[in-house]
Amino acid sequence: MESRTVTIREEPVELFKLLKMENLVCSGGEAKFVIAEGMVRVNEEVEVRKRRKIYGGDKVLFQDYCLKVVLE
């Protein structure tokens, strides 16, 4: 699993925007789809809310990626 640190300037960031920002999906629509299908985990729990607010300290898991979010 590839681990990345994602630095955000302000919080919160919506989950689907984070996936798109990190180029893990091609579009916002695809991000919303994979979230709705239960393919994304936030802090070890399956997340199906597309607009889930992500804060510094959260960990997002998708496919072979682990995104560790930190506030700038």
Protein backbone atom coordinates (compact mmCIF):
# COMPACT_ATOMS: atom_id res chain seq x y z
CA MET A 1 0.00 0.00 0.00
CA GLU A 2 1.36 3.40 -1.00
CA SER A 3 1.22 5.97 1.76
CA ARG A 4 1.01 9.70 0.97
CA THR A 5 0.88 12.76 3.18
CA VAL A 6 -1.65 15.30 1.94
CA THR A 7 -1.24 18.85 3.20
CA ILE A 8 -4.36 21.01 3.17
CA ARG A 9 -4.42 24.78 3.69
CA GLU A 10 -7.83 24.96 5.31
CA GLU A 11 -10.21 22.47 6.76
CA PRO A 12 -12.52 20.82 6.22
CA VAL A 13 -12.14 19.38 2.71
CA GLU A 14 -14.95 17.27 1.27
CA LEU A 15 -13.99 13.62 0.71
CA PHE A 16 -14.83 13.49 -3.00
CA LYS A 17 -12.74 16.64 -3.62
CA LEU A 18 -9.76 15.12 -1.83
CA LEU A 19 -9.83 12.02 -4.04
CA LYS A 20 -9.99 14.19 -7.15
CA MET A 21 -7.31 16.58 -5.89
CA GLU A 22 -4.92 13.66 -5.36
CA ASN A 23 -5.66 12.27 -8.85
CA LEU A 24 -6.95 8.96 -7.50
CA VAL A 25 -10.02 9.34 -9.73
CA CYS A 26 -10.56 11.10 -13.07
CA SER A 27 -13.54 13.23 -12.10
CA GLY A 28 -15.74 14.36 -9.26
CA GLY A 29 -18.47 12.08 -10.58
CA GLU A 30 -16.16 9.07 -10.39
CA ALA A 31 -15.14 10.08 -6.86
CA LYS A 32 -18.78 10.24 -5.79
CA PHE A 33 -19.43 6.83 -7.37
CA VAL A 34 -16.56 5.00 -5.63
CA ILE A 35 -17.56 6.57 -2.30
CA ALA A 36 -21.23 5.58 -2.74
CA GLU A 37 -20.13 2.03 -3.59
CA GLY A 38 -18.31 1.72 -0.25
CA MET A 39 -14.82 1.60 -1.77
CA VAL A 40 -13.37 4.33 0.49
CA ARG A 41 -12.50 4.12 4.17
CA VAL A 42 -11.96 7.07 6.52
CA ASN A 43 -10.17 6.33 9.78
CA GLU A 44 -10.60 2.58 9.21
CA GLU A 45 -14.39 2.76 8.64
CA VAL A 46 -16.24 2.46 5.33
CA GLU A 47 -17.55 5.88 4.32
CA VAL A 48 -20.44 6.40 1.89
CA ARG A 49 -21.04 10.13 2.43
CA LYS A 50 -19.63 11.96 -0.59
CA ARG A 51 -19.37 15.25 1.23
CA ARG A 52 -17.85 13.82 4.41
CA LYS A 53 -15.69 16.52 5.95
CA ILE A 54 -12.02 15.60 6.15
CA TYR A 55 -9.79 17.27 8.76
CA GLY A 56 -6.10 17.22 9.60
CA GLY A 57 -5.28 13.93 11.29
CA ASP A 58 -7.76 11.89 9.22
CA LYS A 59 -6.60 8.88 7.25
CA VAL A 60 -8.30 8.02 3.93
CA LEU A 61 -7.88 4.58 2.35
CA PHE A 62 -8.74 3.95 -1.30
CA GLN A 63 -7.51 1.04 -3.43
CA ASP A 64 -3.77 0.77 -2.73
CA TYR A 65 -3.43 4.28 -1.32
CA CYS A 66 -3.38 5.57 2.24
CA LEU A 67 -3.72 9.35 2.45
CA LYS A 68 -2.67 10.93 5.73
CA VAL A 69 -4.15 14.41 5.92
CA VAL A 70 -2.28 17.20 7.70
CA LEU A 71 -3.21 20.85 8.11
CA GLU A 72 -0.63 23.32 6.83
